[in-house]
Amino acid sequence: MKCFERLVMAHINTIMPETLDPFQFAYHPNRSTDDAISIALHTALSHLDKRNTYVRMLFIDYSSAFNTIVPSKLINKLRILGLNTSLCNWILDFLTGRPQVVKVGNNTSETLILNTGAPQGCMLSPLLYSLFTHDCTARHDSNTIVKFIDDTTVVGLITDIDETAYREVRDLAVWCQDHNLSLNVIKTKEIIVDFRKRRTEHTPILIDGAVVEQVESFKFLGVHITNKLTWSKHTKTVVKRARQNLFPLRRLKIFGMGPQILKRFYSCTIENILTGCITALYGNCSASDRKALQRVVCTAQYITGAKLPAIQDLYTRRCQRKALKIVKDSSHPSHRLFSLLLHGKLYRSAKSWSKRLLNSFYPQAIRLFNI
């Protein structure tokens, strides 16, 4: 069944227009969590580069998002998006009339027929959810809604303490009610990034009469984002996870595995942990954070006895590779940031007044891509 779902999913992706919800980074070619985080950070940093500005980032949590999809409303949206009647009827039949039981030991509950939601663990469910929420977009240019399936972040750009547009995020609660989605206000958090010398007290956001908690850091798509936009907390977490995987690497060496096998184990486990979302974060990492990451590589290199690529080299290669993919993909939301100079040989460097923006992914990618 999952193989058949993959075929249906591939077919649906060929029908969907490339311009459909450009800030939904799941189930699109040449999109990843790196892109979602990079766009959110670049939007914030570009705004913070101006005077008398700050950014409010709202990380939204839904209660049982997949389980609350209304199939009839989903099918109406799919028909509008161009899916034919036969496929819509098949999806409707797939989502309705699903028997469910709970079994504990030798005891089995009565069968319950489900006619709402998308089944957990199915290949189609995340795609159907992203299509169900494709029209959940920002109404104002000063707000950006970045989505990766049900992970949703509202980036509000505030100038001169005017939060009128951002506070219309309450319209999102109305949209959720119309679509049978429930906002979990308790798990919804907000980060305020404010580098002004004279800061004012920020009034909290109210959703359905409940106050959204303001926090100093939040884990979004596996990355710890702080209100200072520094990466020490994330780096410490990554280094700790990577060091835990040094133990099995040592055991493999004790068991007599050769350098090539040890190097492959390192690439599949430790290197993947160290380089997760590296293109979005590494440029603004402090010198101590970079040394901490490189120390893990040096330890692994000593264990394996093989030459391992340095973190800086991996960052450079991945930035150049991702920049090339964005340049070739005109539908990518970041494609507009790569504009050629008049002579048509080099790309225009991004203007920035702060090192935070200058060291972020897109200015760094343009600089590396021009080399």
Foldseek 3Di string as FASTA:
>chain_A
DLVVLVVVLVVLLVLADLQQQLLAQAPDPLGDVLQLLQVLLLLQQVLVLDPQKWKKKKWWDWDQLQQQFQLVLLLVLSVVRPDDPVSSVVVQVQQFQDWDWDDDPPDIDDIDTDNGGDDPPHPCSLVSQCSSCRPVAAPDPQWGWHHHRRGIMIMGMDHPNDCPSVLCCLVVLVVCVVRRIGIDQAPIEMEMQDPDPDDDDDDFHAHPNDTRYYDQWDQGPNAIAGSPRERPVVLVVLLVQLVVVVVVLLVVVVVPDALVVSLVSCVVGNVCSLCPSVLFHVLRYDPVSLVSSQVSVVVSCVRSVDDDDRPVVVNLVVLQVSVVVLCVDPSNPCNVVFDADPVRLATDADDGDDSSSCSGNSNVSSVSNSD
